[in-house]
Amino acid sequence: GKSSFAGPEIKGKTMGVVGMGAIGKLV
């Protein structure tokens, strides 16, 4: 059953950051 939970890796994906304050910069 473990193959049913293979999700895409986040490496290589693009994250949109809305607001580049103290939190946004760290994210």
mmCIF file of all heavy atoms, coordinates in Angstrom:
data_MODEL
# 
_entry.id   MODEL 
# 
loop_
_atom_site.group_PDB 
_atom_site.id 
_atom_site.type_symbol 
_atom_site.label_atom_id 
_atom_site.label_alt_id 
_atom_site.label_comp_id 
_atom_site.label_asym_id 
_atom_site.label_entity_id 
_atom_site.label_seq_id 
_atom_site.pdbx_PDB_ins_code 
_atom_site.Cartn_x 
_atom_site.Cartn_y 
_atom_site.Cartn_z 
_atom_site.occupancy 
_atom_site.B_iso_or_equiv 
_atom_site.pdbx_formal_charge 
_atom_site.auth_seq_id 
_atom_site.auth_comp_id 
_atom_site.auth_asym_id 
_atom_site.auth_atom_id 
_atom_site.pdbx_PDB_model_num 
ATOM 1   N N   . GLY A 1 1  ? 0.765  -1.243 0.000  1.00 0.00 ? 1  GLY A N   1 
ATOM 2   C CA  . GLY A 1 1  ? 0.000  0.000  0.000  1.00 0.00 ? 1  GLY A CA  1 
ATOM 3   C C   . GLY A 1 1  ? 0.791  1.285  0.000  1.00 0.00 ? 1  GLY A C   1 
ATOM 4   O O   . GLY A 1 1  ? 0.245  2.347  -0.288 1.00 0.00 ? 1  GLY A O   1 
ATOM 5   N N   . LYS A 1 2  ? 2.093  1.233  0.294  1.00 0.00 ? 2  LYS A N   1 
ATOM 6   C CA  . LYS A 1 2  ? 2.839  2.476  0.480  1.00 0.00 ? 2  LYS A CA  1 
ATOM 7   C C   . LYS A 1 2  ? 2.947  3.316  -0.793 1.00 0.00 ? 2  LYS A C   1 
ATOM 8   O O   . LYS A 1 2  ? 3.053  4.543  -0.735 1.00 0.00 ? 2  LYS A O   1 
ATOM 9   C CB  . LYS A 1 2  ? 4.230  2.189  1.024  1.00 0.00 ? 2  LYS A CB  1 
ATOM 10  C CG  . LYS A 1 2  ? 5.137  1.399  0.097  1.00 0.00 ? 2  LYS A CG  1 
ATOM 11  C CD  . LYS A 1 2  ? 6.475  1.120  0.764  1.00 0.00 ? 2  LYS A CD  1 
ATOM 12  C CE  . LYS A 1 2  ? 7.426  0.366  -0.163 1.00 0.00 ? 2  LYS A CE  1 
ATOM 13  N NZ  . LYS A 1 2  ? 8.712  0.070  0.518  1.00 0.00 ? 2  LYS A NZ  1 
ATOM 14  N N   . SER A 1 3  ? 2.883  2.668  -1.949 1.00 0.00 ? 3  SER A N   1 
ATOM 15  C CA  . SER A 1 3  ? 3.007  3.427  -3.196 1.00 0.00 ? 3  SER A CA  1 
ATOM 16  C C   . SER A 1 3  ? 1.820  4.361  -3.421 1.00 0.00 ? 3  SER A C   1 
ATOM 17  O O   . SER A 1 3  ? 1.896  5.313  -4.206 1.00 0.00 ? 3  SER A O   1 
ATOM 18  C CB  . SER A 1 3  ? 3.130  2.467  -4.385 1.00 0.00 ? 3  SER A CB  1 
ATOM 19  O OG  . SER A 1 3  ? 1.982  1.637  -4.482 1.00 0.00 ? 3  SER A OG  1 
ATOM 20  N N   . SER A 1 4  ? 0.721  4.109  -2.725 1.00 0.00 ? 4  SER A N   1 
ATOM 21  C CA  . SER A 1 4  ? -0.461 4.964  -2.880 1.00 0.00 ? 4  SER A CA  1 
ATOM 22  C C   . SER A 1 4  ? -0.247 6.360  -2.311 1.00 0.00 ? 4  SER A C   1 
ATOM 23  O O   . SER A 1 4  ? -1.018 7.278  -2.590 1.00 0.00 ? 4  SER A O   1 
ATOM 24  C CB  . SER A 1 4  ? -1.671 4.320  -2.188 1.00 0.00 ? 4  SER A CB  1 
ATOM 25  O OG  . SER A 1 4  ? -1.965 3.056  -2.729 1.00 0.00 ? 4  SER A OG  1 
ATOM 26  N N   . PHE A 1 5  ? 0.798  6.500  -1.510 1.00 0.00 ? 5  PHE A N   1 
ATOM 27  C CA  . PHE A 1 5  ? 1.018  7.771  -0.830 1.00 0.00 ? 5  PHE A CA  1 
ATOM 28  C C   . PHE A 1 5  ? 2.284  8.474  -1.308 1.00 0.00 ? 5  PHE A C   1 
ATOM 29  O O   . PHE A 1 5  ? 2.854  9.308  -0.609 1.00 0.00 ? 5  PHE A O   1 
ATOM 30  C CB  . PHE A 1 5  ? 1.050  7.553  0.685  1.00 0.00 ? 5  PHE A CB  1 
ATOM 31  C CG  . PHE A 1 5  ? -0.156 6.826  1.191  1.00 0.00 ? 5  PHE A CG  1 
ATOM 32  C CD1 . PHE A 1 5  ? -0.099 5.477  1.505  1.00 0.00 ? 5  PHE A CD1 1 
ATOM 33  C CD2 . PHE A 1 5  ? -1.369 7.474  1.282  1.00 0.00 ? 5  PHE A CD2 1 
ATOM 34  C CE1 . PHE A 1 5  ? -1.222 4.797  1.938  1.00 0.00 ? 5  PHE A CE1 1 
ATOM 35  C CE2 . PHE A 1 5  ? -2.502 6.804  1.706  1.00 0.00 ? 5  PHE A CE2 1 
ATOM 36  C CZ  . PHE A 1 5  ? -2.429 5.462  2.033  1.00 0.00 ? 5  PHE A CZ  1 
ATOM 37  N N   . ALA A 1 6  ? 2.722  8.116  -2.492 1.00 0.00 ? 6  ALA A N   1 
ATOM 38  C CA  . ALA A 1 6  ? 3.882  8.790  -3.073 1.00 0.00 ? 6  ALA A CA  1 
ATOM 39  C C   . ALA A 1 6  ? 3.434  10.116 -3.659 1.00 0.00 ? 6  ALA A C   1 
ATOM 40  O O   . ALA A 1 6  ? 2.709  10.154 -4.644 1.00 0.00 ? 6  ALA A O   1 
ATOM 41  C CB  . ALA A 1 6  ? 4.512  7.924  -4.159 1.00 0.00 ? 6  ALA A CB  1 
ATOM 42  N N   . GLY A 1 7  ? 3.820  11.183 -3.029 1.00 0.00 ? 7  GLY A N   1 
ATOM 43  C CA  . GLY A 1 7  ? 3.448  12.509 -3.511 1.00 0.00 ? 7  GLY A CA  1 
ATOM 44  C C   . GLY A 1 7  ? 4.632  13.187 -4.160 1.00 0.00 ? 7  GLY A C   1 
ATOM 45  O O   . GLY A 1 7  ? 5.778  12.758 -3.997 1.00 0.00 ? 7  GLY A O   1 
ATOM 46  N N   . PRO A 1 8  ? 4.384  14.238 -4.901 1.00 0.00 ? 8  PRO A N   1 
ATOM 47  C CA  . PRO A 1 8  ? 5.487  14.957 -5.558 1.00 0.00 ? 8  PRO A CA  1 
ATOM 48  C C   . PRO A 1 8  ? 6.391  15.638 -4.540 1.00 0.00 ? 8  PRO A C   1 
ATOM 49  O O   . PRO A 1 8  ? 5.922  16.143 -3.520 1.00 0.00 ? 8  PRO A O   1 
ATOM 50  C CB  . PRO A 1 8  ? 4.759  15.982 -6.428 1.00 0.00 ? 8  PRO A CB  1 
ATOM 51  C CG  . PRO A 1 8  ? 3.441  16.182 -5.752 1.00 0.00 ? 8  PRO A CG  1 
ATOM 52  C CD  . PRO A 1 8  ? 3.079  14.856 -5.169 1.00 0.00 ? 8  PRO A CD  1 
ATOM 53  N N   . GLU A 1 9  ? 7.674  15.630 -4.822 1.00 0.00 ? 9  GLU A N   1 
ATOM 54  C CA  . GLU A 1 9  ? 8.616  16.326 -3.937 1.00 0.00 ? 9  GLU A CA  1 
ATOM 55  C C   . GLU A 1 9  ? 8.512  17.830 -4.156 1.00 0.00 ? 9  GLU A C   1 
ATOM 56  O O   . GLU A 1 9  ? 8.213  18.292 -5.253 1.00 0.00 ? 9  GLU A O   1 
ATOM 57  C CB  . GLU A 1 9  ? 10.038 15.842 -4.225 1.00 0.00 ? 9  GLU A CB  1 
ATOM 58  C CG  . GLU A 1 9  ? 10.265 14.367 -3.918 1.00 0.00 ? 9  GLU A CG  1 
ATOM 59  C CD  . GLU A 1 9  ? 11.694 13.925 -4.174 1.00 0.00 ? 9  GLU A CD  1 
ATOM 60  O OE1 . GLU A 1 9  ? 12.490 14.761 -4.656 1.00 0.00 ? 9  GLU A OE1 1 
ATOM 61  O OE2 . GLU A 1 9  ? 12.014 12.758 -3.886 1.00 0.00 ? 9  GLU A OE2 1 
ATOM 62  N N   . ILE A 1 10 ? 8.767  18.579 -3.101 1.00 0.00 ? 10 ILE A N   1 
ATOM 63  C CA  . ILE A 1 10 ? 8.667  20.030 -3.232 1.00 0.00 ? 10 ILE A CA  1 
ATOM 64  C C   . ILE A 1 10 ? 9.909  20.624 -3.898 1.00 0.00 ? 10 ILE A C   1 
ATOM 65  O O   . ILE A 1 10 ? 9.860  21.761 -4.391 1.00 0.00 ? 10 ILE A O   1 
ATOM 66  C CB  . ILE A 1 10 ? 8.425  20.710 -1.866 1.00 0.00 ? 10 ILE A CB  1 
ATOM 67  C CG1 . ILE A 1 10 ? 9.599  20.479 -0.912 1.00 0.00 ? 10 ILE A CG1 1 
ATOM 68  C CG2 . ILE A 1 10 ? 7.126  20.225 -1.252 1.00 0.00 ? 10 ILE A CG2 1 
ATOM 69  C CD1 . ILE A 1 10 ? 9.457  21.252 0.390  1.00 0.00 ? 10 ILE A CD1 1 
ATOM 70  N N   . LYS A 1 11 ? 10.991 19.870 -3.929 1.00 0.00 ? 11 LYS A N   1 
ATOM 71  C CA  . LYS A 1 11 ? 12.196 20.358 -4.598 1.00 0.00 ? 11 LYS A CA  1 
ATOM 72  C C   . LYS A 1 11 ? 11.896 20.616 -6.073 1.00 0.00 ? 11 LYS A C   1 
ATOM 73  O O   . LYS A 1 11 ? 11.302 19.790 -6.760 1.00 0.00 ? 11 LYS A O   1 
ATOM 74  C CB  . LYS A 1 11 ? 13.323 19.346 -4.472 1.00 0.00 ? 11 LYS A CB  1 
ATOM 75  C CG  . LYS A 1 11 ? 14.652 19.824 -5.069 1.00 0.00 ? 11 LYS A CG  1 
ATOM 76  C CD  . LYS A 1 11 ? 15.747 18.799 -4.861 1.00 0.00 ? 11 LYS A CD  1 
ATOM 77  C CE  . LYS A 1 11 ? 17.062 19.300 -5.446 1.00 0.00 ? 11 LYS A CE  1 
ATOM 78  N NZ  . LYS A 1 11 ? 18.169 18.311 -5.253 1.00 0.00 ? 11 LYS A NZ  1 
ATOM 79  N N   . GLY A 1 12 ? 12.290 21.777 -6.535 1.00 0.00 ? 12 GLY A N   1 
ATOM 80  C CA  . GLY A 1 12 ? 12.048 22.129 -7.929 1.00 0.00 ? 12 GLY A CA  1 
ATOM 81  C C   . GLY A 1 12 ? 10.744 22.845 -8.169 1.00 0.00 ? 12 GLY A C   1 
ATOM 82  O O   . GLY A 1 12 ? 10.506 23.377 -9.253 1.00 0.00 ? 12 GLY A O   1 
ATOM 83  N N   . LYS A 1 13 ? 9.860  22.854 -7.167 1.00 0.00 ? 13 LYS A N   1 
ATOM 84  C CA  . LYS A 1 13 ? 8.590  23.566 -7.301 1.00 0.00 ? 13 LYS A CA  1 
ATOM 85  C C   . LYS A 1 13 ? 8.788  25.056 -6.986 1.00 0.00 ? 13 LYS A C   1 
ATOM 86  O O   . LYS A 1 13 ? 9.786  25.452 -6.383 1.00 0.00 ? 13 LYS A O   1 
ATOM 87  C CB  . LYS A 1 13 ? 7.540  22.973 -6.358 1.00 0.00 ? 13 LYS A CB  1 
ATOM 88  C CG  . LYS A 1 13 ? 7.239  21.509 -6.612 1.00 0.00 ? 13 LYS A CG  1 
ATOM 89  C CD  . LYS A 1 13 ? 6.613  21.313 -7.973 1.00 0.00 ? 13 LYS A CD  1 
ATOM 90  C CE  . LYS A 1 13 ? 6.141  19.879 -8.175 1.00 0.00 ? 13 LYS A CE  1 
ATOM 91  N NZ  . LYS A 1 13 ? 7.233  18.900 -8.182 1.00 0.00 ? 13 LYS A NZ  1 
ATOM 92  N N   . THR A 1 14 ? 7.832  25.857 -7.409 1.00 0.00 ? 14 THR A N   1 
ATOM 93  C CA  . THR A 1 14 ? 7.893  27.302 -7.166 1.00 0.00 ? 14 THR A CA  1 
ATOM 94  C C   . THR A 1 14 ? 6.843  27.704 -6.151 1.00 0.00 ? 14 THR A C   1 
ATOM 95  O O   . THR A 1 14 ? 5.671  27.368 -6.286 1.00 0.00 ? 14 THR A O   1 
ATOM 96  C CB  . THR A 1 14 ? 7.663  28.092 -8.464 1.00 0.00 ? 14 THR A CB  1 
ATOM 97  O OG1 . THR A 1 14 ? 8.683  27.752 -9.409 1.00 0.00 ? 14 THR A OG1 1 
ATOM 98  C CG2 . THR A 1 14 ? 7.709  29.599 -8.202 1.00 0.00 ? 14 THR A CG2 1 
ATOM 99  N N   . MET A 1 15 ? 7.276  28.415 -5.118 1.00 0.00 ? 15 MET A N   1 
ATOM 100 C CA  . MET A 1 15 ? 6.366  28.911 -4.093 1.00 0.00 ? 15 MET A CA  1 
ATOM 101 C C   . MET A 1 15 ? 6.150  30.405 -4.299 1.00 0.00 ? 15 MET A C   1 
ATOM 102 O O   . MET A 1 15 ? 7.106  31.168 -4.404 1.00 0.00 ? 15 MET A O   1 
ATOM 103 C CB  . MET A 1 15 ? 6.925  28.663 -2.689 1.00 0.00 ? 15 MET A CB  1 
ATOM 104 C CG  . MET A 1 15 ? 6.067  29.255 -1.568 1.00 0.00 ? 15 MET A CG  1 
ATOM 105 S SD  . MET A 1 15 ? 6.744  28.994 0.087  1.00 0.00 ? 15 MET A SD  1 
ATOM 106 C CE  . MET A 1 15 ? 6.441  27.242 0.314  1.00 0.00 ? 15 MET A CE  1 
ATOM 107 N N   . GLY A 1 16 ? 4.889  30.815 -4.362 1.00 0.00 ? 16 GLY A N   1 
ATOM 108 C CA  . GLY A 1 16 ? 4.571  32.233 -4.431 1.00 0.00 ? 16 GLY A CA  1 
ATOM 109 C C   . GLY A 1 16 ? 4.434  32.791 -3.028 1.00 0.00 ? 16 GLY A C   1 
ATOM 110 O O   . GLY A 1 16 ? 3.674  32.271 -2.222 1.00 0.00 ? 16 GLY A O   1 
ATOM 111 N N   . VAL A 1 17 ? 5.178  33.827 -2.708 1.00 0.00 ? 17 VAL A N   1 
ATOM 112 C CA  . VAL A 1 17 ? 5.156  34.440 -1.384 1.00 0.00 ? 17 VAL A CA  1 
ATOM 113 C C   . VAL A 1 17 ? 4.471  35.802 -1.497 1.00 0.00 ? 17 VAL A C   1 
ATOM 114 O O   . VAL A 1 17 ? 4.952  36.686 -2.197 1.00 0.00 ? 17 VAL A O   1 
ATOM 115 C CB  . VAL A 1 17 ? 6.576  34.608 -0.815 1.00 0.00 ? 17 VAL A CB  1 
ATOM 116 C CG1 . VAL A 1 17 ? 6.519  35.244 0.571  1.00 0.00 ? 17 VAL A CG1 1 
ATOM 117 C CG2 . VAL A 1 17 ? 7.296  33.265 -0.760 1.00 0.00 ? 17 VAL A CG2 1 
ATOM 118 N N   . VAL A 1 18 ? 3.341  35.935 -0.831 1.00 0.00 ? 18 VAL A N   1 
ATOM 119 C CA  . VAL A 1 18 ? 2.589  37.189 -0.875 1.00 0.00 ? 18 VAL A CA  1 
ATOM 120 C C   . VAL A 1 18 ? 2.920  37.997 0.373  1.00 0.00 ? 18 VAL A C   1 
ATOM 121 O O   . VAL A 1 18 ? 2.527  37.633 1.474  1.00 0.00 ? 18 VAL A O   1 
ATOM 122 C CB  . VAL A 1 18 ? 1.071  36.916 -0.954 1.00 0.00 ? 18 VAL A CB  1 
ATOM 123 C CG1 . VAL A 1 18 ? 0.303  38.228 -1.006 1.00 0.00 ? 18 VAL A CG1 1 
ATOM 124 C CG2 . VAL A 1 18 ? 0.756  36.062 -2.178 1.00 0.00 ? 18 VAL A CG2 1 
ATOM 125 N N   . GLY A 1 19 ? 3.647  39.073 0.204  1.00 0.00 ? 19 GLY A N   1 
ATOM 126 C CA  . GLY A 1 19 ? 4.057  39.909 1.330  1.00 0.00 ? 19 GLY A CA  1 
ATOM 127 C C   . GLY A 1 19 ? 5.454  39.542 1.795  1.00 0.00 ? 19 GLY A C   1 
ATOM 128 O O   . GLY A 1 19 ? 5.658  38.474 2.358  1.00 0.00 ? 19 GLY A O   1 
ATOM 129 N N   . MET A 1 20 ? 6.436  40.402 1.545  1.00 0.00 ? 20 MET A N   1 
ATOM 130 C CA  . MET A 1 20 ? 7.817  40.092 1.904  1.00 0.00 ? 20 MET A CA  1 
ATOM 131 C C   . MET A 1 20 ? 8.213  40.835 3.180  1.00 0.00 ? 20 MET A C   1 
ATOM 132 O O   . MET A 1 20 ? 9.159  41.621 3.217  1.00 0.00 ? 20 MET A O   1 
ATOM 133 C CB  . MET A 1 20 ? 8.748  40.455 0.741  1.00 0.00 ? 20 MET A CB  1 
ATOM 134 C CG  . MET A 1 20 ? 10.144 39.837 0.848  1.00 0.00 ? 20 MET A CG  1 
ATOM 135 S SD  . MET A 1 20 ? 10.139 38.046 1.019  1.00 0.00 ? 20 MET A SD  1 
ATOM 136 C CE  . MET A 1 20 ? 9.727  37.540 -0.640 1.00 0.00 ? 20 MET A CE  1 
ATOM 137 N N   . GLY A 1 21 ? 7.448  40.555 4.258  1.00 0.00 ? 21 GLY A N   1 
ATOM 138 C CA  . GLY A 1 21 ? 7.812  41.085 5.566  1.00 0.00 ? 21 GLY A CA  1 
ATOM 139 C C   . GLY A 1 21 ? 8.760  40.126 6.264  1.00 0.00 ? 21 GLY A C   1 
ATOM 140 O O   . GLY A 1 21 ? 9.432  39.301 5.628  1.00 0.00 ? 21 GLY A O   1 
ATOM 141 N N   . ALA A 1 22 ? 8.796  40.202 7.593  1.00 0.00 ? 22 ALA A N   1 
ATOM 142 C CA  . ALA A 1 22 ? 9.711  39.343 8.346  1.00 0.00 ? 22 ALA A CA  1 
ATOM 143 C C   . ALA A 1 22 ? 9.412  37.865 8.105  1.00 0.00 ? 22 ALA A C   1 
ATOM 144 O O   . ALA A 1 22 ? 10.324 37.046 7.946  1.00 0.00 ? 22 ALA A O   1 
ATOM 145 C CB  . ALA A 1 22 ? 9.608  39.678 9.837  1.00 0.00 ? 22 ALA A CB  1 
ATOM 146 N N   . ILE A 1 23 ? 8.120  37.503 8.065  1.00 0.00 ? 23 ILE A N   1 
ATOM 147 C CA  . ILE A 1 23 ? 7.745  36.110 7.845  1.00 0.00 ? 23 ILE A CA  1 
ATOM 148 C C   . ILE A 1 23 ? 8.027  35.709 6.407  1.00 0.00 ? 23 ILE A C   1 
ATOM 149 O O   . ILE A 1 23 ? 8.608  34.656 6.137  1.00 0.00 ? 23 ILE A O   1 
ATOM 150 C CB  . ILE A 1 23 ? 6.257  35.900 8.179  1.00 0.00 ? 23 ILE A CB  1 
ATOM 151 C CG1 . ILE A 1 23 ? 6.008  36.146 9.666  1.00 0.00 ? 23 ILE A CG1 1 
ATOM 152 C CG2 . ILE A 1 23 ? 5.797  34.498 7.791  1.00 0.00 ? 23 ILE A CG2 1 
ATOM 153 C CD1 . ILE A 1 23 ? 4.530  36.156 10.047 1.00 0.00 ? 23 ILE A CD1 1 
ATOM 154 N N   . GLY A 1 24 ? 7.611  36.556 5.465  1.00 0.00 ? 24 GLY A N   1 
ATOM 155 C CA  . GLY A 1 24 ? 7.797  36.235 4.055  1.00 0.00 ? 24 GLY A CA  1 
ATOM 156 C C   . GLY A 1 24 ? 9.252  35.993 3.692  1.00 0.00 ? 24 GLY A C   1 
ATOM 157 O O   . GLY A 1 24 ? 9.576  35.083 2.921  1.00 0.00 ? 24 GLY A O   1 
ATOM 158 N N   . LYS A 1 25 ? 10.154 36.792 4.250  1.00 0.00 ? 25 LYS A N   1 
ATOM 159 C CA  . LYS A 1 25 ? 11.577 36.625 3.956  1.00 0.00 ? 25 LYS A CA  1 
ATOM 160 C C   . LYS A 1 25 ? 12.085 35.279 4.455  1.00 0.00 ? 25 LYS A C   1 
ATOM 161 O O   . LYS A 1 25 ? 12.828 34.578 3.762  1.00 0.00 ? 25 LYS A O   1 
ATOM 162 C CB  . LYS A 1 25 ? 12.372 37.764 4.603  1.00 0.00 ? 25 LYS A CB  1 
ATOM 163 C CG  . LYS A 1 25 ? 12.141 39.120 3.961  1.00 0.00 ? 25 LYS A CG  1 
ATOM 164 C CD  . LYS A 1 25 ? 12.878 40.223 4.708  1.00 0.00 ? 25 LYS A CD  1 
ATOM 165 C CE  . LYS A 1 25 ? 12.589 41.587 4.091  1.00 0.00 ? 25 LYS A CE  1 
ATOM 166 N NZ  . LYS A 1 25 ? 13.232 42.679 4.859  1.00 0.00 ? 25 LYS A NZ  1 
ATOM 167 N N   . LEU A 1 26 ? 11.689 34.899 5.673  1.00 0.00 ? 26 LEU A N   1 
ATOM 168 C CA  . LEU A 1 26 ? 12.138 33.620 6.216  1.00 0.00 ? 26 LEU A CA  1 
ATOM 169 C C   . LEU A 1 26 ? 11.554 32.451 5.436  1.00 0.00 ? 26 LEU A C   1 
ATOM 170 O O   . LEU A 1 26 ? 12.230 31.439 5.207  1.00 0.00 ? 26 LEU A O   1 
ATOM 171 C CB  . LEU A 1 26 ? 11.750 33.512 7.695  1.00 0.00 ? 26 LEU A CB  1 
ATOM 172 C CG  . LEU A 1 26 ? 12.505 34.427 8.670  1.00 0.00 ? 26 LEU A CG  1 
ATOM 173 C CD1 . LEU A 1 26 ? 11.995 34.200 10.093 1.00 0.00 ? 26 LEU A CD1 1 
ATOM 174 C CD2 . LEU A 1 26 ? 14.007 34.169 8.614  1.00 0.00 ? 26 LEU A CD2 1 
ATOM 175 N N   . VAL A 1 27 ? 10.295 32.572 5.022  1.00 0.00 ? 27 VAL A N   1 
ATOM 176 C CA  . VAL A 1 27 ? 9.673  31.514 4.228  1.00 0.00 ? 27 VAL A CA  1 
ATOM 177 C C   . VAL A 1 27 ? 10.396 31.355 2.900  1.00 0.00 ? 27 VAL A C   1 
ATOM 178 O O   . VAL A 1 27 ? 10.684 30.230 2.453  1.00 0.00 ? 27 VAL A O   1 
ATOM 179 C CB  . VAL A 1 27 ? 8.178  31.819 3.990  1.00 0.00 ? 27 VAL A CB  1 
ATOM 180 C CG1 . VAL A 1 27 ? 7.589  30.872 2.944  1.00 0.00 ? 27 VAL A CG1 1 
ATOM 181 C CG2 . VAL A 1 27 ? 7.399  31.705 5.290  1.00 0.00 ? 27 VAL A CG2 1 
# 
